[in-house]
Amino acid sequence: MAERLTRQESRRRTRGRLLAAAAELFAERGVNGASVEQIAERAGYSRGAFYGNFAGKDALVAELLNERTRREAEEVREATAGAATRDEAFDALRAWNRDRARNLDSWLALRMELLLHAIRTPELRPLLAEREQAARGALAEGVRRELDRGGAAAPADPAFLALIAHALEDGLLIQRVLDPGAVGDEAVVDAVELLLRSWTALGGAPGEEGRG
């Protein structure tokens, strides 16, 4: 018997397939290299179905940015939720990064394409900034939690450490794709762990309370 979906469920499925098709095409051809018609065809729908769900390609890019940021934050939280110690948390993050590395080329290509498109489209920049802030906010939460776990004084503004970690992630993943023999799947976690252990060893940044 064919599965019967409510209108809302059908719409959600259609949007999901269009987003998945767009993600594939953007990674393969770039945002500007993939047309609305190609996205709809890859998803198995008509051009009309596309416009029934998205006002245009920019609206779809915006939804992809939202969806990716939300999903990755949830995955990381779930991966580390059961960690009782900092070492367990980093082990969980290493496993998550190894899983991501299986599709890192397409993952990074899509991220770079979405970033470039938003940078080239001024009206999308506020959304991009909002998504990046959300990603850094999740990192800041993790930074504070792991510093607390290690007994170190948290920085007055953990967002700065999160900014460094976020920038390290982008840079190291680019290096991983370009030179996989020199940069391992766990390089991002190794770098963040080094950053936090250095902070712990110092007891906080210069000028912060608790510095030894």
Protein backbone atom coordinates (compact mmCIF):
# COMPACT_ATOMS: atom_id res chain seq x y z
CA MET A 1 0.00 0.00 0.00
CA ALA A 2 1.35 3.40 -0.94
CA GLU A 3 2.27 5.66 1.94
CA ARG A 4 -0.36 8.35 2.51
CA LEU A 5 1.00 11.69 3.59
CA THR A 6 -0.75 14.73 4.92
CA ARG A 7 -0.36 17.91 2.89
CA GLN A 8 2.10 19.22 5.45
CA GLU A 9 4.15 16.01 5.38
CA SER A 10 4.16 16.01 1.57
CA ARG A 11 5.32 19.61 1.48
CA ARG A 12 8.07 18.87 4.01
CA ARG A 13 9.25 15.92 1.94
CA THR A 14 9.26 17.98 -1.25
CA ARG A 15 11.27 20.76 0.39
CA GLY A 16 13.70 18.23 1.81
CA ARG A 17 14.30 16.63 -1.58
CA LEU A 18 14.75 20.02 -3.25
CA LEU A 19 17.27 21.04 -0.59
CA ALA A 20 19.16 17.76 -0.95
CA ALA A 21 19.25 18.09 -4.73
CA ALA A 22 20.42 21.70 -4.49
CA ALA A 23 23.17 20.74 -2.04
CA GLU A 24 24.47 18.11 -4.48
CA LEU A 25 24.35 20.43 -7.48
CA PHE A 26 25.87 23.41 -5.67
CA ALA A 27 28.78 21.23 -4.52
CA GLU A 28 29.24 19.89 -8.07
CA ARG A 29 28.68 23.03 -10.14
CA GLY A 30 28.49 26.00 -7.80
CA VAL A 31 25.44 28.06 -6.94
CA ASN A 32 25.58 30.05 -10.16
CA GLY A 33 26.17 26.90 -12.20
CA ALA A 34 22.99 25.16 -11.06
CA SER A 35 19.64 26.37 -12.41
CA VAL A 36 16.24 26.12 -10.77
CA GLU A 37 15.22 23.67 -13.51
CA GLN A 38 18.23 21.44 -12.80
CA ILE A 39 17.53 21.45 -9.07
CA ALA A 40 13.89 20.51 -9.64
CA GLU A 41 14.84 17.78 -12.12
CA ARG A 42 17.45 16.29 -9.78
CA ALA A 43 14.83 16.19 -7.00
CA GLY A 44 12.25 14.62 -9.31
CA TYR A 45 9.89 17.57 -9.45
CA SER A 46 8.76 20.28 -11.82
CA ARG A 47 9.87 23.90 -11.94
CA GLY A 48 6.48 24.75 -10.50
CA ALA A 49 7.13 22.55 -7.47
CA PHE A 50 10.32 24.49 -6.83
CA TYR A 51 8.56 27.85 -6.86
CA GLY A 52 5.77 26.40 -4.77
CA ASN A 53 8.32 25.97 -1.98
CA PHE A 54 10.92 28.68 -2.55
CA ALA A 55 10.65 32.23 -3.86
CA GLY A 56 13.89 31.71 -5.78
CA LYS A 57 17.41 30.33 -5.59
CA ASP A 58 18.49 32.88 -2.98
CA ALA A 59 15.67 31.74 -0.69
CA LEU A 60 16.84 28.16 -1.13
CA VAL A 61 20.44 29.16 -0.32
CA ALA A 62 19.16 30.86 2.84
CA GLU A 63 17.30 27.70 3.85
CA LEU A 64 20.37 25.56 3.22
CA LEU A 65 22.47 27.84 5.43
CA ASN A 66 19.88 27.54 8.20
CA GLU A 67 19.46 23.81 7.82
CA ARG A 68 23.18 22.99 7.75
CA THR A 69 24.00 25.15 10.77
CA ARG A 70 21.14 23.70 12.80
CA ARG A 71 21.83 20.08 11.87
CA GLU A 72 25.56 20.22 12.56
CA ALA A 73 25.06 21.90 15.94
CA GLU A 74 22.54 19.20 16.88
CA GLU A 75 24.87 16.42 15.74
CA VAL A 76 27.77 17.76 17.81
CA ARG A 77 25.56 18.21 20.89
CA GLU A 78 24.24 14.66 20.55
CA ALA A 79 27.73 13.27 20.01
CA THR A 80 29.10 14.87 23.18
CA ALA A 81 26.00 14.68 25.38
CA GLY A 82 27.08 11.53 27.19
CA ALA A 83 30.68 12.60 27.78
CA ALA A 84 31.59 12.65 31.48
CA THR A 85 35.12 14.00 30.99
CA ARG A 86 36.92 16.31 28.59
CA ASP A 87 38.79 13.32 27.09
CA GLU A 88 35.49 11.57 26.39
CA ALA A 89 34.12 14.74 24.78
CA PHE A 90 37.13 15.05 22.50
CA ASP A 91 36.95 11.34 21.61
CA ALA A 92 33.31 11.86 20.58
CA LEU A 93 34.27 14.91 18.50
CA ARG A 94 37.06 12.96 16.80
CA ALA A 95 34.58 10.23 15.85
CA TRP A 96 32.20 12.87 14.46
CA ASN A 97 35.00 14.42 12.40
CA ARG A 98 36.04 11.01 11.06
CA ASP A 99 32.46 10.44 9.90
CA ARG A 100 32.35 13.87 8.25
CA ALA A 101 35.69 13.18 6.53
CA ARG A 102 34.04 10.46 4.42
CA ASN A 103 32.28 13.17 2.43
CA LEU A 104 34.55 16.10 3.23
CA ASP A 105 35.16 17.17 -0.38
CA SER A 106 31.46 17.68 -1.09
CA TRP A 107 30.78 19.04 2.42
CA LEU A 108 33.49 21.69 2.11
CA ALA A 109 32.66 22.50 -1.51
CA LEU A 110 29.06 23.20 -0.52
CA ARG A 111 30.10 25.32 2.47
CA MET A 112 32.46 27.38 0.33
CA GLU A 113 29.84 27.83 -2.40
CA LEU A 114 27.20 28.99 0.06
CA LEU A 115 29.65 31.40 1.69
CA LEU A 116 30.80 32.80 -1.66
CA HIS A 117 27.25 33.24 -2.89
CA ALA A 118 26.26 35.06 0.29
CA ILE A 119 29.33 37.29 0.11
CA ARG A 120 28.54 38.16 -3.52
CA THR A 121 24.88 38.81 -2.69
CA PRO A 122 24.74 41.73 -0.22
CA GLU A 123 21.16 41.06 0.85
CA LEU A 124 22.19 37.57 2.02
CA ARG A 125 25.14 38.76 4.12
CA PRO A 126 23.07 39.48 7.26
CA LEU A 127 21.71 35.93 7.12
CA LEU A 128 25.21 34.54 6.64
CA ALA A 129 26.43 36.58 9.61
CA GLU A 130 23.51 35.30 11.70
CA ARG A 131 24.28 31.68 10.81
CA GLU A 132 27.97 32.11 11.56
CA GLN A 133 27.08 33.71 14.90
CA ALA A 134 24.87 30.72 15.69
CA ALA A 135 27.73 28.33 14.86
CA ARG A 136 30.15 30.33 17.00
CA GLY A 137 27.59 30.48 19.79
CA ALA A 138 27.39 26.70 19.87
CA LEU A 139 31.19 26.56 19.95
CA ALA A 140 31.32 29.12 22.77
CA GLU A 141 28.92 26.96 24.77
CA GLY A 142 31.20 23.97 24.24
CA VAL A 143 34.31 25.98 25.11
CA ARG A 144 32.81 27.14 28.40
CA ARG A 145 31.62 23.62 29.23
CA GLU A 146 35.01 22.03 28.56
CA LEU A 147 36.90 24.72 30.49
CA ASP A 148 34.56 24.22 33.42
CA ARG A 149 35.12 20.49 33.14
CA GLY A 150 38.88 21.02 33.24
CA GLY A 151 38.70 23.40 36.17
CA ALA A 152 40.09 26.36 34.22
CA ALA A 153 38.92 29.92 34.52
CA ALA A 154 36.58 30.62 31.62
CA PRO A 155 37.38 33.73 29.60
CA ALA A 156 35.22 36.76 30.22
CA ASP A 157 34.03 36.34 26.65
CA PRO A 158 34.31 32.70 25.47
CA ALA A 159 33.07 33.92 22.09
CA PHE A 160 36.62 34.97 21.20
CA LEU A 161 37.97 31.46 21.74
CA ALA A 162 35.00 30.18 19.73
CA LEU A 163 35.89 32.59 16.91
CA ILE A 164 39.46 31.25 16.85
CA ALA A 165 38.20 27.65 16.86
CA HIS A 166 35.73 28.37 14.06
CA ALA A 167 38.41 29.99 11.92
CA LEU A 168 40.77 27.12 12.63
CA GLU A 169 38.13 24.66 11.47
CA ASP A 170 37.63 26.36 8.11
CA GLY A 171 41.35 26.71 7.48
CA LEU A 172 42.28 23.19 8.55
CA LEU A 173 39.50 21.58 6.52
CA ILE A 174 40.70 23.39 3.41
CA GLN A 175 44.23 22.12 4.11
CA ARG A 176 42.85 18.61 4.73
CA VAL A 177 41.21 18.53 1.29
CA LEU A 178 44.24 19.97 -0.48
CA ASP A 179 46.88 17.89 1.33
CA PRO A 180 45.27 14.85 2.98
CA GLY A 181 48.63 13.17 3.46
CA ALA A 182 49.78 15.94 5.80
CA VAL A 183 46.53 16.85 7.59
CA GLY A 184 44.52 14.14 9.32
CA ASP A 185 40.78 13.76 9.80
CA GLU A 186 41.08 14.78 13.46
CA ALA A 187 43.22 17.90 12.94
CA VAL A 188 40.39 20.26 13.84
CA VAL A 189 39.79 18.53 17.17
CA ASP A 190 43.52 18.34 17.88
CA ALA A 191 43.83 22.10 17.29
CA VAL A 192 40.87 22.97 19.51
CA GLU A 193 42.10 20.63 22.23
CA LEU A 194 45.53 22.31 22.10
CA LEU A 195 43.87 25.71 22.34
CA LEU A 196 41.85 24.73 25.41
CA ARG A 197 44.72 22.90 27.10
CA SER A 198 46.93 25.95 26.59
CA TRP A 199 44.26 28.15 28.17
CA THR A 200 43.98 25.70 31.07
CA ALA A 201 47.75 25.63 31.58
CA LEU A 202 47.83 29.43 31.71
CA GLY A 203 44.85 29.58 34.01
CA GLY A 204 43.18 32.11 31.70
CA ALA A 205 44.27 34.83 29.35
CA PRO A 206 46.55 37.71 30.39
CA GLY A 207 44.55 40.03 32.57
CA GLU A 208 41.87 37.45 33.36
CA GLU A 209 41.13 36.43 36.92
CA GLY A 210 42.59 33.08 37.88
CA ARG A 211 45.77 33.30 35.87
CA GLY A 212 48.54 31.49 37.68
